[in-house]
Amino acid sequence: MNKLTKILAAAAILAGGAVLRAQTPAFHFYGPIGRFLTPTSPSGNQAAIICFDNPADLGVSGTIYSLLGTKVADLGSRADATGTGCPAKFPGQYKPQYLSWNGQANGSVVHGGVYLYVVVAGAKSYSGTLVVVR
């Protein structure tokens, strides 16, 4: 199974309403706070916040893809999740962190639609879907 097929399979599972909580002893992935972004609305959810615990301080990166597998954007740098809405999702409060995406590619807001995120932490990857509503 190629990488895009794995991404699409994971997206199909998440789009069906299943909530996956994946973890390793050194990393706990909780996913996005919300799956819908409204980057052009001043009162909407203007950014995706993808939450995780990272007690082992693993190297973490993330990428956004279109459904066709084209790279759209890199997720913002990981940071302390205090004040983002993430801490309530962490029962252990080990080292809550997050990655963010503002719904933009190359400085412009992307078209409305479904996008895939892939977060890589150490040797593991986690994927799911985000929906941009314009």
Protein backbone atom coordinates (compact mmCIF):
# COMPACT_ATOMS: atom_id res chain seq x y z
CA MET A 1 0.00 0.00 0.00
CA ASN A 2 1.57 3.32 -1.00
CA LYS A 3 1.75 6.42 1.24
CA LEU A 4 -1.19 8.23 -0.40
CA THR A 5 -3.40 5.15 -0.05
CA LYS A 6 -2.56 4.95 3.66
CA ILE A 7 -3.34 8.65 4.08
CA LEU A 8 -6.66 8.30 2.28
CA ALA A 9 -7.58 5.22 4.32
CA ALA A 10 -6.89 7.10 7.56
CA ALA A 11 -8.89 10.07 6.29
CA ALA A 12 -11.85 7.84 5.46
CA ILE A 13 -11.83 6.41 8.98
CA LEU A 14 -11.70 9.85 10.56
CA ALA A 15 -14.29 11.33 8.23
CA GLY A 16 -16.66 8.58 9.31
CA GLY A 17 -16.69 10.00 12.82
CA ALA A 18 -14.26 7.65 14.53
CA VAL A 19 -11.93 9.36 16.95
CA LEU A 20 -8.51 7.80 17.05
CA ARG A 21 -6.19 8.39 19.97
CA ALA A 22 -2.80 6.95 19.16
CA GLN A 23 0.08 6.81 21.55
CA THR A 24 3.52 5.49 22.23
CA PRO A 25 5.19 5.57 25.65
CA ALA A 26 6.89 8.81 24.65
CA PHE A 27 4.13 10.48 22.62
CA HIS A 28 0.34 10.87 22.92
CA PHE A 29 -1.50 12.14 19.84
CA TYR A 30 -4.92 13.73 20.33
CA GLY A 31 -5.51 15.35 16.95
CA PRO A 32 -7.19 18.63 16.07
CA ILE A 33 -9.41 20.58 18.47
CA GLY A 34 -11.85 21.11 15.60
CA ARG A 35 -11.86 19.73 12.08
CA PHE A 36 -13.49 22.75 10.42
CA LEU A 37 -11.58 25.93 9.53
CA THR A 38 -13.11 29.19 8.37
CA PRO A 39 -9.94 31.19 7.63
CA THR A 40 -11.77 34.12 6.01
CA SER A 41 -14.31 34.57 8.84
CA PRO A 42 -13.39 36.95 11.67
CA SER A 43 -15.60 35.04 14.12
CA GLY A 44 -14.88 31.49 12.97
CA ASN A 45 -12.20 28.91 13.62
CA GLN A 46 -9.32 30.58 11.78
CA ALA A 47 -6.67 27.95 12.41
CA ALA A 48 -6.35 24.22 12.96
CA ILE A 49 -4.74 23.36 16.28
CA ILE A 50 -3.45 19.76 16.39
CA CYS A 51 -2.73 18.67 19.96
CA PHE A 52 -0.36 16.13 21.45
CA ASP A 53 1.62 15.30 24.58
CA ASN A 54 5.35 15.04 23.97
CA PRO A 55 7.05 14.07 27.25
CA ALA A 56 10.11 12.62 25.51
CA ASP A 57 10.52 15.81 23.46
CA LEU A 58 10.51 13.91 20.15
CA GLY A 59 11.10 15.77 16.92
CA VAL A 60 7.61 16.55 15.55
CA SER A 61 6.67 17.92 12.13
CA GLY A 62 3.48 18.17 10.14
CA THR A 63 2.32 18.65 6.56
CA ILE A 64 -1.01 19.46 4.90
CA TYR A 65 -1.94 17.71 1.62
CA SER A 66 -4.79 18.07 -0.85
CA LEU A 67 -6.92 14.98 -1.51
CA LEU A 68 -4.87 14.50 -4.67
CA GLY A 69 -1.72 14.12 -2.58
CA THR A 70 -0.21 17.52 -3.45
CA LYS A 71 1.68 19.18 -0.61
CA VAL A 72 -0.20 22.33 0.41
CA ALA A 73 1.68 23.60 3.48
CA ASP A 74 3.95 22.74 6.37
CA LEU A 75 2.35 23.01 9.79
CA GLY A 76 3.60 25.76 12.07
CA SER A 77 6.30 25.01 14.61
CA ARG A 78 5.32 23.06 17.67
CA ALA A 79 4.82 25.12 20.78
CA ASP A 80 3.58 25.01 24.35
CA ALA A 81 -0.19 24.40 24.21
CA THR A 82 -1.12 26.58 27.19
CA GLY A 83 -4.13 28.74 26.31
CA THR A 84 -4.96 27.00 23.00
CA GLY A 85 -7.73 24.75 24.22
CA CYS A 86 -5.43 21.73 24.14
CA PRO A 87 -4.74 21.31 27.87
CA ALA A 88 -8.27 20.10 28.63
CA LYS A 89 -7.66 17.15 26.31
CA PHE A 90 -4.57 15.96 28.17
CA PRO A 91 -5.30 13.80 31.21
CA GLY A 92 -1.61 13.47 32.10
CA GLN A 93 -0.43 17.05 31.45
CA TYR A 94 3.01 15.75 30.56
CA LYS A 95 4.20 18.23 28.00
CA PRO A 96 1.22 19.50 25.96
CA GLN A 97 2.21 20.93 22.59
CA TYR A 98 0.52 21.68 19.28
CA LEU A 99 1.04 22.33 15.58
CA SER A 100 -1.12 24.85 13.73
CA TRP A 101 -2.27 25.63 10.20
CA ASN A 102 -3.96 28.88 9.23
CA GLY A 103 -5.70 27.56 6.11
CA GLN A 104 -3.17 29.16 3.79
CA ALA A 105 -0.72 28.00 1.14
CA ASN A 106 2.01 30.35 -0.09
CA GLY A 107 0.37 33.30 1.69
CA SER A 108 -3.11 32.83 0.19
CA VAL A 109 -6.18 31.20 1.70
CA VAL A 110 -6.77 27.77 0.16
CA HIS A 111 -9.98 26.77 -1.61
CA GLY A 112 -12.76 25.29 0.46
CA GLY A 113 -12.62 21.51 0.71
CA VAL A 114 -11.14 18.54 2.55
CA TYR A 115 -7.43 18.47 3.32
CA LEU A 116 -5.26 15.79 4.90
CA TYR A 117 -2.78 16.37 7.70
CA VAL A 118 0.16 14.12 8.47
CA VAL A 119 2.04 14.56 11.74
CA VAL A 120 5.35 12.72 12.16
CA ALA A 121 6.73 12.16 15.66
CA GLY A 122 9.92 10.17 15.80
CA ALA A 123 9.35 7.05 13.67
CA LYS A 124 5.50 7.19 13.84
CA SER A 125 3.04 9.13 11.71
CA TYR A 126 -0.54 10.20 12.44
CA SER A 127 -3.00 11.44 9.84
CA GLY A 128 -6.52 12.79 9.53
CA THR A 129 -8.72 15.28 7.77
CA LEU A 130 -9.46 18.98 8.05
CA VAL A 131 -12.26 20.81 6.25
CA VAL A 132 -11.83 24.40 5.04
CA VAL A 133 -15.15 26.24 4.73
CA ARG A 134 -15.22 29.52 2.81
